[in-house]
Amino acid sequence: MLRRKILISQFFFLFCGLYNCNLLYASTESISAELIELKRQGWKVTETKSSIESRPGIKPYQNVKREVQVVKYKLKKGIEVLFCVVEYDSQKDTIQELCAETLKDAEKKLSR
């Protein structure tokens, strides 16, 4: 019986290692889901700008700078234009994404 439990647990750990089960528990929402859906609907990415911003750390690491990767997209579909901002925060280990009709609106809504 013990041998069987050990075998099952080894199989589980092997399976999780091969298929990245740890990603199921990541603290991120679906990565760029809105952007992917827009591309499926026929929107085309016409511009991309990527930068890394240093921001103050969050307690208890307020003395450590945290790096935030910010990627800004401009999308077009016919005469319509949308702007999307995707941010990856290294300290929080989160990805946030928001799309709006202007870049300022997207940045403002994302910073809330």
N, C-alpha and C. Protein backbone atom coordinates (compact mmCIF):
# COMPACT_ATOMS: atom_id res chain seq x y z
N MET A 1 0.82 -1.19 0.00
CA MET A 1 0.00 0.00 0.00
C MET A 1 0.86 1.26 0.00
N LEU A 2 1.90 1.28 0.86
CA LEU A 2 2.80 2.42 0.93
C LEU A 2 3.55 2.60 -0.39
N ARG A 3 3.93 1.49 -0.97
CA ARG A 3 4.64 1.52 -2.25
C ARG A 3 3.76 2.16 -3.33
N ARG A 4 2.48 1.84 -3.29
CA ARG A 4 1.54 2.39 -4.28
C ARG A 4 1.39 3.91 -4.11
N LYS A 5 1.31 4.38 -2.84
CA LYS A 5 1.20 5.82 -2.58
C LYS A 5 2.44 6.56 -3.05
N ILE A 6 3.59 5.98 -2.81
CA ILE A 6 4.84 6.60 -3.26
C ILE A 6 4.88 6.67 -4.78
N LEU A 7 4.47 5.62 -5.43
CA LEU A 7 4.44 5.59 -6.89
C LEU A 7 3.49 6.65 -7.44
N ILE A 8 2.31 6.77 -6.83
CA ILE A 8 1.33 7.77 -7.28
C ILE A 8 1.87 9.18 -7.06
N SER A 9 2.49 9.43 -5.91
CA SER A 9 3.02 10.78 -5.65
C SER A 9 4.17 11.10 -6.60
N GLN A 10 5.02 10.14 -6.92
CA GLN A 10 6.10 10.38 -7.88
C GLN A 10 5.54 10.68 -9.26
N PHE A 11 4.52 9.95 -9.65
CA PHE A 11 3.89 10.20 -10.94
C PHE A 11 3.29 11.61 -10.98
N PHE A 12 2.62 12.02 -9.90
CA PHE A 12 2.02 13.34 -9.82
C PHE A 12 3.09 14.42 -9.96
N PHE A 13 4.20 14.31 -9.22
CA PHE A 13 5.25 15.31 -9.30
C PHE A 13 5.90 15.34 -10.67
N LEU A 14 6.09 14.19 -11.28
CA LEU A 14 6.64 14.12 -12.63
C LEU A 14 5.70 14.79 -13.62
N PHE A 15 4.41 14.48 -13.51
CA PHE A 15 3.41 15.07 -14.40
C PHE A 15 3.38 16.59 -14.25
N CYS A 16 3.39 17.08 -13.01
CA CYS A 16 3.37 18.53 -12.77
C CYS A 16 4.64 19.19 -13.30
N GLY A 17 5.76 18.53 -13.13
CA GLY A 17 7.01 19.09 -13.65
C GLY A 17 7.01 19.18 -15.16
N LEU A 18 6.47 18.18 -15.81
CA LEU A 18 6.45 18.18 -17.28
C LEU A 18 5.44 19.16 -17.85
N TYR A 19 4.34 19.34 -17.18
CA TYR A 19 3.26 20.16 -17.73
C TYR A 19 3.04 21.47 -16.98
N ASN A 20 4.02 21.88 -16.18
CA ASN A 20 3.99 23.16 -15.50
C ASN A 20 2.69 23.39 -14.73
N CYS A 21 2.33 22.46 -13.90
CA CYS A 21 1.12 22.62 -13.09
C CYS A 21 1.22 23.84 -12.18
N ASN A 22 2.44 24.25 -11.86
CA ASN A 22 2.58 25.42 -11.01
C ASN A 22 1.98 26.67 -11.65
N LEU A 23 1.87 26.70 -12.96
CA LEU A 23 1.28 27.85 -13.63
C LEU A 23 -0.21 27.96 -13.35
N LEU A 24 -0.84 26.86 -12.96
CA LEU A 24 -2.26 26.91 -12.63
C LEU A 24 -2.51 27.78 -11.41
N TYR A 25 -1.52 27.90 -10.56
CA TYR A 25 -1.69 28.64 -9.32
C TYR A 25 -1.01 30.00 -9.36
N ALA A 26 -0.57 30.46 -10.52
CA ALA A 26 0.08 31.76 -10.64
C ALA A 26 -0.90 32.86 -10.27
N SER A 27 -0.36 33.95 -9.74
CA SER A 27 -1.23 35.04 -9.29
C SER A 27 -1.50 36.03 -10.42
N THR A 28 -1.57 35.56 -11.63
CA THR A 28 -1.84 36.44 -12.76
C THR A 28 -3.17 36.06 -13.39
N GLU A 29 -3.77 37.05 -13.99
CA GLU A 29 -4.96 36.77 -14.77
C GLU A 29 -4.47 36.24 -16.11
N SER A 30 -5.39 35.87 -16.98
CA SER A 30 -4.96 35.34 -18.27
C SER A 30 -4.12 36.39 -18.99
N ILE A 31 -2.97 35.97 -19.49
CA ILE A 31 -1.98 36.87 -20.05
C ILE A 31 -2.48 37.47 -21.35
N SER A 32 -2.63 38.78 -21.36
CA SER A 32 -3.02 39.54 -22.54
C SER A 32 -4.25 38.96 -23.23
N ALA A 33 -5.19 38.50 -22.44
CA ALA A 33 -6.39 37.88 -23.02
C ALA A 33 -7.17 38.86 -23.88
N GLU A 34 -7.29 40.10 -23.42
CA GLU A 34 -8.04 41.09 -24.18
C GLU A 34 -7.35 41.39 -25.51
N LEU A 35 -6.04 41.52 -25.47
CA LEU A 35 -5.27 41.80 -26.68
C LEU A 35 -5.37 40.64 -27.67
N ILE A 36 -5.28 39.42 -27.18
CA ILE A 36 -5.40 38.25 -28.05
C ILE A 36 -6.79 38.20 -28.67
N GLU A 37 -7.81 38.48 -27.88
CA GLU A 37 -9.18 38.46 -28.40
C GLU A 37 -9.37 39.53 -29.47
N LEU A 38 -8.80 40.71 -29.27
CA LEU A 38 -8.90 41.77 -30.28
C LEU A 38 -8.22 41.34 -31.59
N LYS A 39 -7.08 40.68 -31.48
CA LYS A 39 -6.39 40.21 -32.69
C LYS A 39 -7.23 39.16 -33.41
N ARG A 40 -7.91 38.32 -32.66
CA ARG A 40 -8.80 37.33 -33.27
C ARG A 40 -9.96 38.00 -34.01
N GLN A 41 -10.37 39.16 -33.51
CA GLN A 41 -11.48 39.89 -34.12
C GLN A 41 -11.05 40.73 -35.31
N GLY A 42 -9.77 40.64 -35.69
CA GLY A 42 -9.31 41.34 -36.89
C GLY A 42 -8.52 42.61 -36.63
N TRP A 43 -8.27 42.95 -35.38
CA TRP A 43 -7.46 44.12 -35.07
C TRP A 43 -6.00 43.79 -35.37
N LYS A 44 -5.27 44.76 -35.89
CA LYS A 44 -3.85 44.60 -36.23
C LYS A 44 -3.01 45.50 -35.33
N VAL A 45 -1.93 44.95 -34.79
CA VAL A 45 -0.99 45.74 -33.99
C VAL A 45 -0.13 46.55 -34.96
N THR A 46 -0.20 47.88 -34.84
CA THR A 46 0.57 48.74 -35.74
C THR A 46 1.78 49.36 -35.07
N GLU A 47 1.76 49.46 -33.74
CA GLU A 47 2.90 50.00 -33.00
C GLU A 47 3.04 49.26 -31.68
N THR A 48 4.29 49.09 -31.27
CA THR A 48 4.58 48.49 -29.97
C THR A 48 5.74 49.25 -29.35
N LYS A 49 5.58 49.66 -28.09
CA LYS A 49 6.65 50.31 -27.35
C LYS A 49 6.80 49.59 -26.02
N SER A 50 8.02 49.20 -25.71
CA SER A 50 8.28 48.48 -24.47
C SER A 50 9.29 49.25 -23.64
N SER A 51 9.06 49.31 -22.34
CA SER A 51 9.99 49.98 -21.44
C SER A 51 9.94 49.29 -20.08
N ILE A 52 10.97 49.55 -19.29
CA ILE A 52 11.01 49.03 -17.92
C ILE A 52 11.08 50.23 -16.99
N GLU A 53 10.12 50.30 -16.07
CA GLU A 53 10.05 51.40 -15.12
C GLU A 53 10.47 50.91 -13.74
N SER A 54 11.23 51.74 -13.03
CA SER A 54 11.56 51.46 -11.64
C SER A 54 10.56 52.20 -10.77
N ARG A 55 9.89 51.47 -9.90
CA ARG A 55 8.89 52.06 -9.01
C ARG A 55 9.25 51.72 -7.57
N PRO A 56 8.72 52.49 -6.62
CA PRO A 56 9.01 52.18 -5.22
C PRO A 56 8.49 50.79 -4.85
N GLY A 57 9.20 50.14 -3.95
CA GLY A 57 8.79 48.82 -3.50
C GLY A 57 7.56 48.89 -2.62
N ILE A 58 6.92 47.74 -2.45
CA ILE A 58 5.73 47.62 -1.62
C ILE A 58 6.14 46.96 -0.31
N LYS A 59 5.55 47.43 0.81
CA LYS A 59 5.90 46.89 2.13
C LYS A 59 5.82 45.38 2.12
N PRO A 60 6.69 44.68 2.75
CA PRO A 60 7.78 45.12 3.61
C PRO A 60 9.08 45.42 2.85
N TYR A 61 9.01 45.52 1.53
CA TYR A 61 10.20 45.76 0.71
C TYR A 61 10.19 47.17 0.13
N GLN A 62 9.72 48.16 0.89
CA GLN A 62 9.59 49.51 0.38
C GLN A 62 10.93 50.15 0.04
N ASN A 63 12.03 49.62 0.57
CA ASN A 63 13.35 50.17 0.28
C ASN A 63 13.98 49.57 -0.97
N VAL A 64 13.31 48.60 -1.57
CA VAL A 64 13.82 47.94 -2.77
C VAL A 64 13.00 48.41 -3.97
N LYS A 65 13.68 48.85 -5.00
CA LYS A 65 12.97 49.25 -6.22
C LYS A 65 12.37 48.02 -6.88
N ARG A 66 11.18 48.18 -7.42
CA ARG A 66 10.59 47.07 -8.17
C ARG A 66 10.56 47.45 -9.63
N GLU A 67 10.81 46.47 -10.46
CA GLU A 67 10.83 46.68 -11.90
C GLU A 67 9.47 46.33 -12.48
N VAL A 68 8.96 47.22 -13.33
CA VAL A 68 7.68 46.99 -13.99
C VAL A 68 7.90 47.12 -15.49
N GLN A 69 7.66 46.04 -16.21
CA GLN A 69 7.77 46.09 -17.67
C GLN A 69 6.44 46.58 -18.21
N VAL A 70 6.50 47.63 -19.03
CA VAL A 70 5.29 48.22 -19.61
C VAL A 70 5.38 48.10 -21.12
N VAL A 71 4.37 47.49 -21.72
CA VAL A 71 4.31 47.36 -23.18
C VAL A 71 3.04 48.05 -23.65
N LYS A 72 3.21 49.02 -24.56
CA LYS A 72 2.08 49.78 -25.09
C LYS A 72 1.86 49.38 -26.54
N TYR A 73 0.60 49.09 -26.86
CA TYR A 73 0.23 48.65 -28.21
C TYR A 73 -0.75 49.64 -28.82
N LYS A 74 -0.59 49.87 -30.11
CA LYS A 74 -1.58 50.62 -30.88
C LYS A 74 -2.16 49.64 -31.88
N LEU A 75 -3.49 49.52 -31.88
CA LEU A 75 -4.16 48.57 -32.76
C LEU A 75 -5.10 49.32 -33.70
N LYS A 76 -5.24 48.80 -34.91
CA LYS A 76 -6.15 49.39 -35.89
C LYS A 76 -7.02 48.31 -36.50
N LYS A 77 -8.25 48.72 -36.78
CA LYS A 77 -9.19 47.87 -37.52
C LYS A 77 -10.02 48.82 -38.36
N GLY A 78 -9.71 48.87 -39.66
CA GLY A 78 -10.36 49.86 -40.52
C GLY A 78 -9.92 51.25 -40.10
N ILE A 79 -10.89 52.11 -39.77
CA ILE A 79 -10.54 53.46 -39.31
C ILE A 79 -10.54 53.57 -37.79
N GLU A 80 -10.90 52.49 -37.10
CA GLU A 80 -10.92 52.49 -35.64
C GLU A 80 -9.52 52.27 -35.08
N VAL A 81 -9.24 52.92 -33.96
CA VAL A 81 -7.94 52.80 -33.29
C VAL A 81 -8.17 52.51 -31.81
N LEU A 82 -7.40 51.59 -31.27
CA LEU A 82 -7.42 51.26 -29.84
C LEU A 82 -5.99 51.25 -29.32
N PHE A 83 -5.85 51.53 -28.03
CA PHE A 83 -4.55 51.47 -27.37
C PHE A 83 -4.65 50.49 -26.20
N CYS A 84 -3.66 49.64 -26.07
CA CYS A 84 -3.61 48.68 -24.96
C CYS A 84 -2.30 48.86 -24.21
N VAL A 85 -2.38 48.73 -22.90
CA VAL A 85 -1.19 48.79 -22.05
C VAL A 85 -1.15 47.50 -21.24
N VAL A 86 -0.01 46.81 -21.30
CA VAL A 86 0.19 45.58 -20.54
C VAL A 86 1.38 45.81 -19.62
N GLU A 87 1.18 45.55 -18.31
CA GLU A 87 2.24 45.75 -17.33
C GLU A 87 2.53 44.45 -16.58
N TYR A 88 3.82 44.13 -16.45
CA TYR A 88 4.25 43.01 -15.61
C TYR A 88 5.00 43.59 -14.43
N ASP A 89 4.52 43.36 -13.23
CA ASP A 89 5.13 43.86 -12.00
C ASP A 89 5.94 42.73 -11.37
N SER A 90 7.25 42.92 -11.28
CA SER A 90 8.13 41.86 -10.78
C SER A 90 7.92 41.56 -9.30
N GLN A 91 7.59 42.56 -8.50
CA GLN A 91 7.42 42.32 -7.07
C GLN A 91 6.09 41.64 -6.76
N LYS A 92 5.05 42.07 -7.43
CA LYS A 92 3.73 41.47 -7.20
C LYS A 92 3.56 40.19 -8.01
N ASP A 93 4.40 39.99 -9.02
CA ASP A 93 4.31 38.87 -9.96
C ASP A 93 2.91 38.81 -10.58
N THR A 94 2.50 39.97 -11.11
CA THR A 94 1.19 40.07 -11.75
C THR A 94 1.30 40.71 -13.12
N ILE A 95 0.35 40.40 -13.96
CA ILE A 95 0.23 41.03 -15.27
C ILE A 95 -1.12 41.71 -15.32
N GLN A 96 -1.11 42.99 -15.69
CA GLN A 96 -2.35 43.74 -15.84
C GLN A 96 -2.44 44.23 -17.28
N GLU A 97 -3.65 44.30 -17.78
CA GLU A 97 -3.85 44.73 -19.16
C GLU A 97 -5.13 45.55 -19.25
N LEU A 98 -5.06 46.61 -20.05
CA LEU A 98 -6.26 47.40 -20.27
C LEU A 98 -6.19 48.04 -21.64
N CYS A 99 -7.32 48.09 -22.32
CA CYS A 99 -7.41 48.72 -23.63
C CYS A 99 -8.44 49.84 -23.56
N ALA A 100 -8.18 50.93 -24.30
CA ALA A 100 -9.09 52.07 -24.34
C ALA A 100 -8.91 52.79 -25.68
N GLU A 101 -9.77 53.79 -25.90
CA GLU A 101 -9.73 54.52 -27.17
C GLU A 101 -8.55 55.48 -27.25
N THR A 102 -8.01 55.91 -26.10
CA THR A 102 -6.81 56.74 -26.11
C THR A 102 -5.78 56.10 -25.18
N LEU A 103 -4.52 56.40 -25.44
CA LEU A 103 -3.44 55.86 -24.61
C LEU A 103 -3.55 56.39 -23.19
N LYS A 104 -3.88 57.67 -23.04
CA LYS A 104 -4.00 58.26 -21.70
C LYS A 104 -5.11 57.59 -20.90
N ASP A 105 -6.23 57.29 -21.55
CA ASP A 105 -7.33 56.60 -20.86
C ASP A 105 -6.90 55.22 -20.39
N ALA A 106 -6.19 54.50 -21.23
CA ALA A 106 -5.73 53.15 -20.87
C ALA A 106 -4.76 53.21 -19.69
N GLU A 107 -3.82 54.16 -19.73
CA GLU A 107 -2.85 54.30 -18.65
C GLU A 107 -3.54 54.72 -17.35
N LYS A 108 -4.50 55.64 -17.46
CA LYS A 108 -5.20 56.13 -16.27
C LYS A 108 -6.02 55.02 -15.61
N LYS A 109 -6.74 54.25 -16.41
CA LYS A 109 -7.56 53.17 -15.87
C LYS A 109 -6.70 52.07 -15.27
N LEU A 110 -5.54 51.82 -15.88
CA LEU A 110 -4.65 50.77 -15.40
C LEU A 110 -4.02 51.15 -14.06
N SER A 111 -3.75 52.43 -13.86
CA SER A 111 -3.08 52.86 -12.63
C SER A 111 -3.99 52.87 -11.42
N ARG A 112 -5.29 52.68 -11.58
CA ARG A 112 -6.22 52.68 -10.44
C ARG A 112 -6.05 51.46 -9.59
